[in-house]
Amino acid sequence: MINQLTVIGVGLIGGSLARSLREAGAVGTIVGCGLDKNQLQKAIDLDIIDKYETDVARAVVGSNLVVVAVPVGVMESVFRQLKSHLAEDAVITDVGSTKGSVVEAMRNAYGEVPEQFVPGHPIAGTEKSGVDAGFAGLFHGRRVLLTPLPQTSPQAIELVRYMWQKTGAVVSEMDLKHHDDVLAATSHLPHLLAFSLVDTLVAMDEKAEIFQYAAGGFRDFTRIASSHPQMWHDICVNNREAILQILKRFQVDLDKLGCAIANNDSDYILDVFTRAKKSRDQFSNN
C-alpha cells in the first residue's frame, strides 16, 4: 500500500497517475507539489490530490513514495531540494524520457545514486499538457520501463512496479543506455520531425493556403507538434548523442528516397513504401 504519495509536477503524466491510483484504491493520501498554485488548486477541485505544497521539502514529509514528474531539464534542481528531507525508507521514482540524464542529475544532486531511487518511464502521453489534460486510463495497457541500477533496492523496485501495475500498465525493466537508444528512435525522432515539418511550412510564403488545405495525413503526422515545447527541448538536449545517431541514419535513408524520386527509380520507391506499410500494419495489429 502507498500510504502517502507525493507527486512533484501535477501535469498530464503526474495528474493522470494520481487519478489512476486513486481510482484503483492503491493510495492513501496524495500530495501535489508545483510552482503554480492555480494549477494545484485545480487538481484539488478535480479530486486528483488531497492537498498541495509549493515547497518540495514540505511536500514530501510523511510520504513513502515520491514521483518526480517534471521536465528532465529541471530534475537535478528538484532532486537537490529532496535531499535530506525524505524519510529513510521513502522511495523516489521519476517519469523522465531520458534515463541517462536523469540518473546523472540524481548523482550530481546526491553525490551518488541512492538505492531507494528507481528510474522509470511510462511510454504514454498525449500532445496535451496541464492538470486538466490528464485522465485515469492514460496508462492502461501501456508499457512502463524501469531502468534500475545494480545498487537499486529490490524492495524499492517492487513498490514502483506495484504502483504502475495498479494503473493497468505493463511493467518491464531495461538497461539504461538501451532505453535511451530505443526511445530516441521511436519517440524523440518522430517529435523532432513533426516540430521541424510544421516550422518549415510556417516559414513558407503561402503557409496560409497550405494549412487551409491540410488533410488528415498532415494532422495525423503533426499532431505531436502540439506537445509541450520546453519538455521536448529538454529531451533533445539531454539525449543528444542517441538522437543524433538515429537522425543521421534517417537522413541517409531520406536522401536515398530523394535520389530515387529524382531518378524516377520506381522500384526503389515502391519497395520502401511496401516495406513501411507492412511493418506499420503489423505494429498496429499487435
C-alpha atoms as a PDB file:
ATOM      1  CA  MET A   1       0.000   0.000   0.000  1.00  0.00           C
ATOM      2  CA  ILE A   2       1.193   3.501  -0.810  1.00  0.00           C
ATOM      3  CA  ASN A   3       0.318   5.271   2.415  1.00  0.00           C
ATOM      4  CA  GLN A   4       1.172   8.744   1.155  1.00  0.00           C
ATOM      5  CA  LEU A   5       2.258   9.668  -2.352  1.00  0.00           C
ATOM      6  CA  THR A   6       3.862  12.954  -3.314  1.00  0.00           C
ATOM      7  CA  VAL A   7       3.645  13.912  -6.979  1.00  0.00           C
ATOM      8  CA  ILE A   8       6.041  16.684  -7.924  1.00  0.00           C
ATOM      9  CA  GLY A   9       4.643  18.105 -11.150  1.00  0.00           C
ATOM     10  CA  VAL A  10       0.885  17.562 -11.338  1.00  0.00           C
ATOM     11  CA  GLY A  11       0.532  17.846 -15.121  1.00  0.00           C
ATOM     12  CA  LEU A  12      -0.591  15.359 -17.753  1.00  0.00           C
ATOM     13  CA  ILE A  13       1.546  12.452 -16.512  1.00  0.00           C
ATOM     14  CA  GLY A  14       1.651  13.242 -12.794  1.00  0.00           C
ATOM     15  CA  GLY A  15      -2.031  14.112 -12.699  1.00  0.00           C
ATOM     16  CA  SER A  16      -3.070  11.029 -14.651  1.00  0.00           C
ATOM     17  CA  LEU A  17      -1.005   8.831 -12.338  1.00  0.00           C
ATOM     18  CA  ALA A  18      -2.693  10.332  -9.267  1.00  0.00           C
ATOM     19  CA  ARG A  19      -6.141   9.911 -10.836  1.00  0.00           C
ATOM     20  CA  SER A  20      -5.463   6.282 -11.732  1.00  0.00           C
ATOM     21  CA  LEU A  21      -4.075   5.314  -8.325  1.00  0.00           C
ATOM     22  CA  ARG A  22      -6.986   6.984  -6.545  1.00  0.00           C
ATOM     23  CA  GLU A  23      -9.466   5.182  -8.791  1.00  0.00           C
ATOM     24  CA  ALA A  24      -7.704   1.869  -8.073  1.00  0.00           C
ATOM     25  CA  GLY A  25      -7.749   2.472  -4.309  1.00  0.00           C
ATOM     26  CA  ALA A  26      -3.987   1.957  -4.225  1.00  0.00           C
ATOM     27  CA  VAL A  27      -3.023   5.069  -2.277  1.00  0.00           C
ATOM     28  CA  GLY A  28      -3.982   6.758   0.965  1.00  0.00           C
ATOM     29  CA  THR A  29      -3.121  10.450   0.743  1.00  0.00           C
ATOM     30  CA  ILE A  30      -1.906  12.216  -2.407  1.00  0.00           C
ATOM     31  CA  VAL A  31       0.152  15.381  -2.043  1.00  0.00           C
ATOM     32  CA  GLY A  32       0.730  17.551  -5.089  1.00  0.00           C
ATOM     33  CA  CYS A  33       3.716  19.837  -5.472  1.00  0.00           C
ATOM     34  CA  GLY A  34       4.475  22.529  -8.023  1.00  0.00           C
ATOM     35  CA  LEU A  35       5.021  26.228  -8.567  1.00  0.00           C
ATOM     36  CA  ASP A  36       1.598  27.175  -9.935  1.00  0.00           C
ATOM     37  CA  LYS A  37      -0.920  27.459  -7.095  1.00  0.00           C
ATOM     38  CA  ASN A  38      -3.803  27.850  -9.538  1.00  0.00           C
ATOM     39  CA  GLN A  39      -2.989  24.520 -11.184  1.00  0.00           C
ATOM     40  CA  LEU A  40      -2.570  22.841  -7.814  1.00  0.00           C
ATOM     41  CA  GLN A  41      -5.897  24.195  -6.602  1.00  0.00           C
ATOM     42  CA  LYS A  42      -7.484  22.934  -9.809  1.00  0.00           C
ATOM     43  CA  ALA A  43      -6.044  19.494  -9.005  1.00  0.00           C
ATOM     44  CA  ILE A  44      -7.789  19.607  -5.632  1.00  0.00           C
ATOM     45  CA  ASP A  45     -11.043  20.785  -7.210  1.00  0.00           C
ATOM     46  CA  LEU A  46     -10.841  17.854  -9.641  1.00  0.00           C
ATOM     47  CA  ASP A  47     -10.199  15.447  -6.711  1.00  0.00           C
ATOM     48  CA  ILE A  48      -6.808  14.485  -8.154  1.00  0.00           C
ATOM     49  CA  ILE A  49      -4.848  15.347  -4.998  1.00  0.00           C
ATOM     50  CA  ASP A  50      -5.785  15.789  -1.345  1.00  0.00           C
ATOM     51  CA  LYS A  51      -3.519  18.726  -0.552  1.00  0.00           C
ATOM     52  CA  TYR A  52      -0.633  20.638  -2.045  1.00  0.00           C
ATOM     53  CA  GLU A  53       2.613  22.384  -1.211  1.00  0.00           C
ATOM     54  CA  THR A  54       4.768  24.671  -3.324  1.00  0.00           C
ATOM     55  CA  ASP A  55       7.841  23.768  -1.265  1.00  0.00           C
ATOM     56  CA  VAL A  56       9.373  20.373  -2.103  1.00  0.00           C
ATOM     57  CA  ALA A  57      10.726  19.812   1.403  1.00  0.00           C
ATOM     58  CA  ARG A  58       7.280  20.230   2.960  1.00  0.00           C
ATOM     59  CA  ALA A  59       5.552  18.230   0.216  1.00  0.00           C
ATOM     60  CA  VAL A  60       7.491  15.021   0.924  1.00  0.00           C
ATOM     61  CA  VAL A  61       7.033  14.934   4.688  1.00  0.00           C
ATOM     62  CA  GLY A  62       5.354  11.648   5.616  1.00  0.00           C
ATOM     63  CA  SER A  63       5.406  10.193   2.093  1.00  0.00           C
ATOM     64  CA  ASN A  64       6.705   6.693   1.430  1.00  0.00           C
ATOM     65  CA  LEU A  65       6.742   7.220  -2.342  1.00  0.00           C
ATOM     66  CA  VAL A  66       7.713  10.331  -4.323  1.00  0.00           C
ATOM     67  CA  VAL A  67       7.151  10.638  -8.066  1.00  0.00           C
ATOM     68  CA  VAL A  68       9.077  13.382  -9.855  1.00  0.00           C
ATOM     69  CA  ALA A  69       7.090  14.319 -12.975  1.00  0.00           C
ATOM     70  CA  VAL A  70       8.843  17.466 -14.174  1.00  0.00           C
ATOM     71  CA  PRO A  71      10.763  18.159 -17.426  1.00  0.00           C
ATOM     72  CA  VAL A  72      14.126  16.378 -17.419  1.00  0.00           C
ATOM     73  CA  GLY A  73      15.960  19.702 -17.558  1.00  0.00           C
ATOM     74  CA  VAL A  74      14.878  20.588 -14.020  1.00  0.00           C
ATOM     75  CA  MET A  75      15.245  17.134 -12.446  1.00  0.00           C
ATOM     76  CA  GLU A  76      18.541  17.977 -10.764  1.00  0.00           C
ATOM     77  CA  SER A  77      17.071  21.051  -9.106  1.00  0.00           C
ATOM     78  CA  VAL A  78      14.178  19.009  -7.718  1.00  0.00           C
ATOM     79  CA  PHE A  79      16.491  16.222  -6.535  1.00  0.00           C
ATOM     80  CA  ARG A  80      18.615  18.777  -4.669  1.00  0.00           C
ATOM     81  CA  GLN A  81      15.501  20.053  -2.917  1.00  0.00           C
ATOM     82  CA  LEU A  82      14.545  16.488  -1.963  1.00  0.00           C
ATOM     83  CA  LYS A  83      17.874  15.686  -0.377  1.00  0.00           C
ATOM     84  CA  SER A  84      17.788  15.369   3.426  1.00  0.00           C
ATOM     85  CA  HIS A  85      14.008  15.811   3.596  1.00  0.00           C
ATOM     86  CA  LEU A  86      12.795  12.294   2.771  1.00  0.00           C
ATOM     87  CA  ALA A  87      12.056   9.559   5.259  1.00  0.00           C
ATOM     88  CA  GLU A  88      14.864   6.999   5.366  1.00  0.00           C
ATOM     89  CA  ASP A  89      12.788   4.307   3.669  1.00  0.00           C
ATOM     90  CA  ALA A  90      10.967   6.589   1.201  1.00  0.00           C
ATOM     91  CA  VAL A  91      11.231   5.566  -2.457  1.00  0.00           C
ATOM     92  CA  ILE A  92      11.865   8.047  -5.275  1.00  0.00           C
ATOM     93  CA  THR A  93      10.991   7.460  -8.918  1.00  0.00           C
ATOM     94  CA  ASP A  94      10.575   9.649 -11.979  1.00  0.00           C
ATOM     95  CA  VAL A  95       8.814   9.676 -15.343  1.00  0.00           C
ATOM     96  CA  GLY A  96      11.541  11.230 -17.500  1.00  0.00           C
ATOM     97  CA  SER A  97      12.106  10.183 -21.105  1.00  0.00           C
ATOM     98  CA  THR A  98      15.926  10.339 -20.950  1.00  0.00           C
ATOM     99  CA  LYS A  99      17.127   7.972 -18.263  1.00  0.00           C
ATOM    100  CA  GLY A 100      20.859   8.592 -18.612  1.00  0.00           C
ATOM    101  CA  SER A 101      20.475  12.297 -17.897  1.00  0.00           C
ATOM    102  CA  VAL A 102      18.050  11.697 -15.018  1.00  0.00           C
ATOM    103  CA  VAL A 103      20.438   9.296 -13.296  1.00  0.00           C
ATOM    104  CA  GLU A 104      23.274  11.778 -13.811  1.00  0.00           C
ATOM    105  CA  ALA A 105      21.088  14.530 -12.329  1.00  0.00           C
ATOM    106  CA  MET A 106      20.476  12.369  -9.268  1.00  0.00           C
ATOM    107  CA  ARG A 107      24.186  11.631  -8.942  1.00  0.00           C
ATOM    108  CA  ASN A 108      25.014  15.340  -9.159  1.00  0.00           C
ATOM    109  CA  ALA A 109      22.399  16.207  -6.551  1.00  0.00           C
ATOM    110  CA  TYR A 110      23.135  13.444  -4.040  1.00  0.00           C
ATOM    111  CA  GLY A 111      26.794  12.700  -4.741  1.00  0.00           C
ATOM    112  CA  GLU A 112      25.723   9.142  -5.576  1.00  0.00           C
ATOM    113  CA  VAL A 113      22.587   7.405  -6.775  1.00  0.00           C
ATOM    114  CA  PRO A 114      20.683   6.270  -3.660  1.00  0.00           C
ATOM    115  CA  GLU A 115      19.422   2.717  -3.518  1.00  0.00           C
ATOM    116  CA  GLN A 116      15.865   3.986  -2.979  1.00  0.00           C
ATOM    117  CA  PHE A 117      15.797   5.677  -6.397  1.00  0.00           C
ATOM    118  CA  VAL A 118      14.086   3.749  -9.217  1.00  0.00           C
ATOM    119  CA  PRO A 119      14.369   5.449 -12.636  1.00  0.00           C
ATOM    120  CA  GLY A 120      11.190   4.924 -14.641  1.00  0.00           C
ATOM    121  CA  HIS A 121       9.446   5.995 -17.813  1.00  0.00           C
ATOM    122  CA  PRO A 122       5.800   5.441 -18.807  1.00  0.00           C
ATOM    123  CA  ILE A 123       5.515   5.102 -22.589  1.00  0.00           C
ATOM    124  CA  ALA A 124       2.264   7.027 -22.660  1.00  0.00           C
ATOM    125  CA  GLY A 125       1.021  10.538 -23.135  1.00  0.00           C
ATOM    126  CA  THR A 126      -0.808  12.887 -25.457  1.00  0.00           C
ATOM    127  CA  GLU A 127       0.038  16.163 -27.163  1.00  0.00           C
ATOM    128  CA  LYS A 128      -1.894  17.981 -24.416  1.00  0.00           C
ATOM    129  CA  SER A 129      -0.394  19.309 -21.202  1.00  0.00           C
ATOM    130  CA  GLY A 130      -1.609  20.544 -17.841  1.00  0.00           C
ATOM    131  CA  VAL A 131      -3.508  19.042 -14.941  1.00  0.00           C
ATOM    132  CA  ASP A 132      -6.885  19.091 -16.695  1.00  0.00           C
ATOM    133  CA  ALA A 133      -5.482  17.187 -19.700  1.00  0.00           C
ATOM    134  CA  GLY A 134      -4.968  14.020 -17.651  1.00  0.00           C
ATOM    135  CA  PHE A 135      -7.255  11.026 -17.267  1.00  0.00           C
ATOM    136  CA  ALA A 136      -7.197   7.848 -15.198  1.00  0.00           C
ATOM    137  CA  GLY A 137      -6.943   5.448 -18.148  1.00  0.00           C
ATOM    138  CA  LEU A 138      -3.847   7.021 -19.713  1.00  0.00           C
ATOM    139  CA  PHE A 139      -1.550   4.155 -18.718  1.00  0.00           C
ATOM    140  CA  HIS A 140      -3.948   1.246 -19.128  1.00  0.00           C
ATOM    141  CA  GLY A 141      -2.351  -1.387 -21.355  1.00  0.00           C
ATOM    142  CA  ARG A 142       0.654   0.875 -21.996  1.00  0.00           C
ATOM    143  CA  ARG A 143       4.234  -0.065 -21.253  1.00  0.00           C
ATOM    144  CA  VAL A 144       6.258   1.373 -18.380  1.00  0.00           C
ATOM    145  CA  LEU A 145      10.027   0.881 -18.441  1.00  0.00           C
ATOM    146  CA  LEU A 146      12.063   0.753 -15.247  1.00  0.00           C
ATOM    147  CA  THR A 147      15.829   1.165 -15.561  1.00  0.00           C
ATOM    148  CA  PRO A 148      17.188   0.270 -12.103  1.00  0.00           C
ATOM    149  CA  LEU A 149      20.904   0.318 -11.359  1.00  0.00           C
ATOM    150  CA  PRO A 150      22.830  -2.559  -9.743  1.00  0.00           C
ATOM    151  CA  GLN A 151      22.560  -0.921  -6.314  1.00  0.00           C
ATOM    152  CA  THR A 152      18.825  -0.210  -6.563  1.00  0.00           C
ATOM    153  CA  SER A 153      16.876  -1.755  -3.698  1.00  0.00           C
ATOM    154  CA  PRO A 154      14.687  -4.721  -4.780  1.00  0.00           C
ATOM    155  CA  GLN A 155      12.017  -3.519  -2.337  1.00  0.00           C
ATOM    156  CA  ALA A 156      12.033  -0.082  -3.951  1.00  0.00           C
ATOM    157  CA  ILE A 157      11.683  -1.641  -7.413  1.00  0.00           C
ATOM    158  CA  GLU A 158       8.738  -3.720  -6.250  1.00  0.00           C
ATOM    159  CA  LEU A 159       6.923  -0.712  -4.804  1.00  0.00           C
ATOM    160  CA  VAL A 160       7.320   1.246  -8.040  1.00  0.00           C
ATOM    161  CA  ARG A 161       6.313  -1.804 -10.066  1.00  0.00           C
ATOM    162  CA  TYR A 162       3.228  -2.208  -7.853  1.00  0.00           C
ATOM    163  CA  MET A 163       2.333   1.448  -8.378  1.00  0.00           C
ATOM    164  CA  TRP A 164       2.414   1.228 -12.162  1.00  0.00           C
ATOM    165  CA  GLN A 165       0.653  -2.124 -12.294  1.00  0.00           C
ATOM    166  CA  LYS A 166      -2.211  -0.576 -10.339  1.00  0.00           C
ATOM    167  CA  THR A 167      -2.685   1.861 -13.221  1.00  0.00           C
ATOM    168  CA  GLY A 168      -3.124  -1.058 -15.636  1.00  0.00           C
ATOM    169  CA  ALA A 169       0.315  -0.597 -17.186  1.00  0.00           C
ATOM    170  CA  VAL A 170       2.615  -3.394 -18.365  1.00  0.00           C
ATOM    171  CA  VAL A 171       5.891  -3.008 -16.470  1.00  0.00           C
ATOM    172  CA  SER A 172       9.263  -4.082 -17.878  1.00  0.00           C
ATOM    173  CA  GLU A 173      12.894  -3.494 -16.972  1.00  0.00           C
ATOM    174  CA  MET A 174      15.527  -2.308 -19.433  1.00  0.00           C
ATOM    175  CA  ASP A 175      19.170  -1.304 -19.476  1.00  0.00           C
ATOM    176  CA  LEU A 176      19.536   2.433 -19.090  1.00  0.00           C
ATOM    177  CA  LYS A 177      21.515   3.138 -22.284  1.00  0.00           C
ATOM    178  CA  HIS A 178      19.381   0.770 -24.327  1.00  0.00           C
ATOM    179  CA  HIS A 179      16.308   2.673 -23.153  1.00  0.00           C
ATOM    180  CA  ASP A 180      17.699   5.978 -24.376  1.00  0.00           C
ATOM    181  CA  ASP A 181      18.692   4.499 -27.757  1.00  0.00           C
ATOM    182  CA  VAL A 182      15.274   2.908 -28.298  1.00  0.00           C
ATOM    183  CA  LEU A 183      13.320   5.990 -27.250  1.00  0.00           C
ATOM    184  CA  ALA A 184      15.477   8.212 -29.450  1.00  0.00           C
ATOM    185  CA  ALA A 185      14.267   6.189 -32.447  1.00  0.00           C
ATOM    186  CA  THR A 186      10.650   5.556 -31.504  1.00  0.00           C
ATOM    187  CA  SER A 187       9.688   8.748 -29.676  1.00  0.00           C
ATOM    188  CA  HIS A 188      12.263  11.529 -29.785  1.00  0.00           C
ATOM    189  CA  LEU A 189      12.927  11.417 -33.545  1.00  0.00           C
ATOM    190  CA  PRO A 190       9.203  11.452 -34.504  1.00  0.00           C
ATOM    191  CA  HIS A 191       8.618  14.503 -32.307  1.00  0.00           C
ATOM    192  CA  LEU A 192      11.661  16.247 -33.768  1.00  0.00           C
ATOM    193  CA  LEU A 193      10.396  15.583 -37.303  1.00  0.00           C
ATOM    194  CA  ALA A 194       6.877  16.795 -36.519  1.00  0.00           C
ATOM    195  CA  PHE A 195       8.104  20.039 -34.952  1.00  0.00           C
ATOM    196  CA  SER A 196      10.534  20.606 -37.823  1.00  0.00           C
ATOM    197  CA  LEU A 197       7.974  19.957 -40.573  1.00  0.00           C
ATOM    198  CA  VAL A 198       5.448  22.392 -39.107  1.00  0.00           C
ATOM    199  CA  ASP A 199       8.166  25.004 -38.642  1.00  0.00           C
ATOM    200  CA  THR A 200       9.293  24.555 -42.267  1.00  0.00           C
ATOM    201  CA  LEU A 201       5.757  25.049 -43.559  1.00  0.00           C
ATOM    202  CA  VAL A 202       5.195  28.075 -41.341  1.00  0.00           C
ATOM    203  CA  ALA A 203       8.215  29.737 -42.971  1.00  0.00           C
ATOM    204  CA  MET A 204       6.751  29.359 -46.475  1.00  0.00           C
ATOM    205  CA  ASP A 205       5.147  32.435 -48.030  1.00  0.00           C
ATOM    206  CA  GLU A 206       1.996  30.537 -48.938  1.00  0.00           C
ATOM    207  CA  LYS A 207       1.606  28.984 -45.464  1.00  0.00           C
ATOM    208  CA  ALA A 208      -1.999  30.191 -45.071  1.00  0.00           C
ATOM    209  CA  GLU A 209      -3.041  28.236 -48.135  1.00  0.00           C
ATOM    210  CA  ILE A 210      -1.021  25.187 -47.112  1.00  0.00           C
ATOM    211  CA  PHE A 211      -2.693  24.934 -43.704  1.00  0.00           C
ATOM    212  CA  GLN A 212      -6.106  25.688 -45.193  1.00  0.00           C
ATOM    213  CA  TYR A 213      -5.907  22.629 -47.413  1.00  0.00           C
ATOM    214  CA  ALA A 214      -4.098  20.346 -44.980  1.00  0.00           C
ATOM    215  CA  ALA A 215      -5.860  16.998 -44.814  1.00  0.00           C
ATOM    216  CA  GLY A 216      -5.925  14.120 -42.359  1.00  0.00           C
ATOM    217  CA  GLY A 217      -2.428  12.956 -43.180  1.00  0.00           C
ATOM    218  CA  PHE A 218      -0.947  16.280 -42.142  1.00  0.00           C
ATOM    219  CA  ARG A 219      -2.999  16.358 -38.941  1.00  0.00           C
ATOM    220  CA  ASP A 220      -2.038  12.780 -38.044  1.00  0.00           C
ATOM    221  CA  PHE A 221       1.664  13.283 -38.692  1.00  0.00           C
ATOM    222  CA  THR A 222       1.960  16.655 -36.988  1.00  0.00           C
ATOM    223  CA  ARG A 223      -0.376  16.087 -34.002  1.00  0.00           C
ATOM    224  CA  ILE A 224       2.581  15.643 -31.661  1.00  0.00           C
ATOM    225  CA  ALA A 225       3.960  19.061 -32.675  1.00  0.00           C
ATOM    226  CA  SER A 226       1.345  20.412 -30.239  1.00  0.00           C
ATOM    227  CA  SER A 227       3.322  18.845 -27.380  1.00  0.00           C
ATOM    228  CA  HIS A 228       4.984  20.907 -24.665  1.00  0.00           C
ATOM    229  CA  PRO A 229       7.957  22.736 -26.293  1.00  0.00           C
ATOM    230  CA  GLN A 230      10.050  23.040 -23.117  1.00  0.00           C
ATOM    231  CA  MET A 231       9.693  19.364 -22.304  1.00  0.00           C
ATOM    232  CA  TRP A 232      10.810  18.300 -25.777  1.00  0.00           C
ATOM    233  CA  HIS A 233      13.605  20.860 -25.834  1.00  0.00           C
ATOM    234  CA  ASP A 234      14.931  19.278 -22.635  1.00  0.00           C
ATOM    235  CA  ILE A 235      14.645  15.779 -24.098  1.00  0.00           C
ATOM    236  CA  CYS A 236      16.605  16.735 -27.233  1.00  0.00           C
ATOM    237  CA  VAL A 237      19.347  18.389 -25.192  1.00  0.00           C
ATOM    238  CA  ASN A 238      19.605  15.535 -22.691  1.00  0.00           C
ATOM    239  CA  ASN A 239      19.537  12.639 -25.170  1.00  0.00           C
ATOM    240  CA  ARG A 240      21.634  14.419 -27.774  1.00  0.00           C
ATOM    241  CA  GLU A 241      24.004  11.592 -28.769  1.00  0.00           C
ATOM    242  CA  ALA A 242      21.318   8.942 -29.266  1.00  0.00           C
ATOM    243  CA  ILE A 243      19.084  11.365 -31.179  1.00  0.00           C
ATOM    244  CA  LEU A 244      21.912  12.487 -33.462  1.00  0.00           C
ATOM    245  CA  GLN A 245      22.796   8.875 -34.210  1.00  0.00           C
ATOM    246  CA  ILE A 246      19.278   7.910 -35.302  1.00  0.00           C
ATOM    247  CA  LEU A 247      18.789  11.260 -37.072  1.00  0.00           C
ATOM    248  CA  LYS A 248      21.933  10.634 -39.135  1.00  0.00           C
ATOM    249  CA  ARG A 249      20.652   7.195 -40.130  1.00  0.00           C
ATOM    250  CA  PHE A 250      17.242   8.609 -41.037  1.00  0.00           C
ATOM    251  CA  GLN A 251      18.854  11.384 -43.096  1.00  0.00           C
ATOM    252  CA  VAL A 252      20.796   8.790 -45.137  1.00  0.00           C
ATOM    253  CA  ASP A 253      17.594   6.879 -45.898  1.00  0.00           C
ATOM    254  CA  LEU A 254      15.708  10.087 -46.686  1.00  0.00           C
ATOM    255  CA  ASP A 255      18.456  11.145 -49.107  1.00  0.00           C
ATOM    256  CA  LYS A 256      18.233   7.745 -50.827  1.00  0.00           C
ATOM    257  CA  LEU A 257      14.492   8.190 -51.250  1.00  0.00           C
ATOM    258  CA  GLY A 258      15.026  11.694 -52.611  1.00  0.00           C
ATOM    259  CA  CYS A 259      17.535  10.387 -55.136  1.00  0.00           C
ATOM    260  CA  ALA A 260      15.109   7.650 -56.166  1.00  0.00           C
ATOM    261  CA  ILE A 261      12.407  10.251 -56.817  1.00  0.00           C
ATOM    262  CA  ALA A 262      14.859  12.431 -58.760  1.00  0.00           C
ATOM    263  CA  ASN A 263      15.984   9.456 -60.861  1.00  0.00           C
ATOM    264  CA  ASN A 264      12.466   8.096 -61.322  1.00  0.00           C
ATOM    265  CA  ASP A 265      13.508   4.845 -59.626  1.00  0.00           C
ATOM    266  CA  SER A 266      10.000   3.476 -59.344  1.00  0.00           C
ATOM    267  CA  ASP A 267      11.063   0.083 -57.955  1.00  0.00           C
ATOM    268  CA  TYR A 268      13.014   1.585 -55.039  1.00  0.00           C
ATOM    269  CA  ILE A 269      10.188   3.943 -54.112  1.00  0.00           C
ATOM    270  CA  LEU A 270       7.598   1.163 -54.200  1.00  0.00           C
ATOM    271  CA  ASP A 271       9.856  -1.177 -52.183  1.00  0.00           C
ATOM    272  CA  VAL A 272      10.277   1.438 -49.430  1.00  0.00           C
ATOM    273  CA  PHE A 273       6.564   2.176 -49.256  1.00  0.00           C
ATOM    274  CA  THR A 274       5.620  -1.530 -49.313  1.00  0.00           C
ATOM    275  CA  ARG A 275       8.045  -2.451 -46.513  1.00  0.00           C
ATOM    276  CA  ALA A 276       6.904   0.513 -44.462  1.00  0.00           C
ATOM    277  CA  LYS A 277       3.216  -0.314 -44.858  1.00  0.00           C
ATOM    278  CA  LYS A 278       3.771  -3.959 -43.932  1.00  0.00           C
ATOM    279  CA  SER A 279       5.742  -3.044 -40.810  1.00  0.00           C
ATOM    280  CA  ARG A 280       3.260  -0.350 -39.765  1.00  0.00           C
ATOM    281  CA  ASP A 281       0.302  -2.706 -40.228  1.00  0.00           C
ATOM    282  CA  GLN A 282       1.996  -5.375 -38.118  1.00  0.00           C
ATOM    283  CA  PHE A 283       2.684  -2.839 -35.380  1.00  0.00           C
ATOM    284  CA  SER A 284      -0.933  -1.604 -35.439  1.00  0.00           C
ATOM    285  CA  ASN A 285      -2.320  -5.118 -35.134  1.00  0.00           C
ATOM    286  CA  ASN A 286      -0.222  -6.011 -32.070  1.00  0.00           C
END
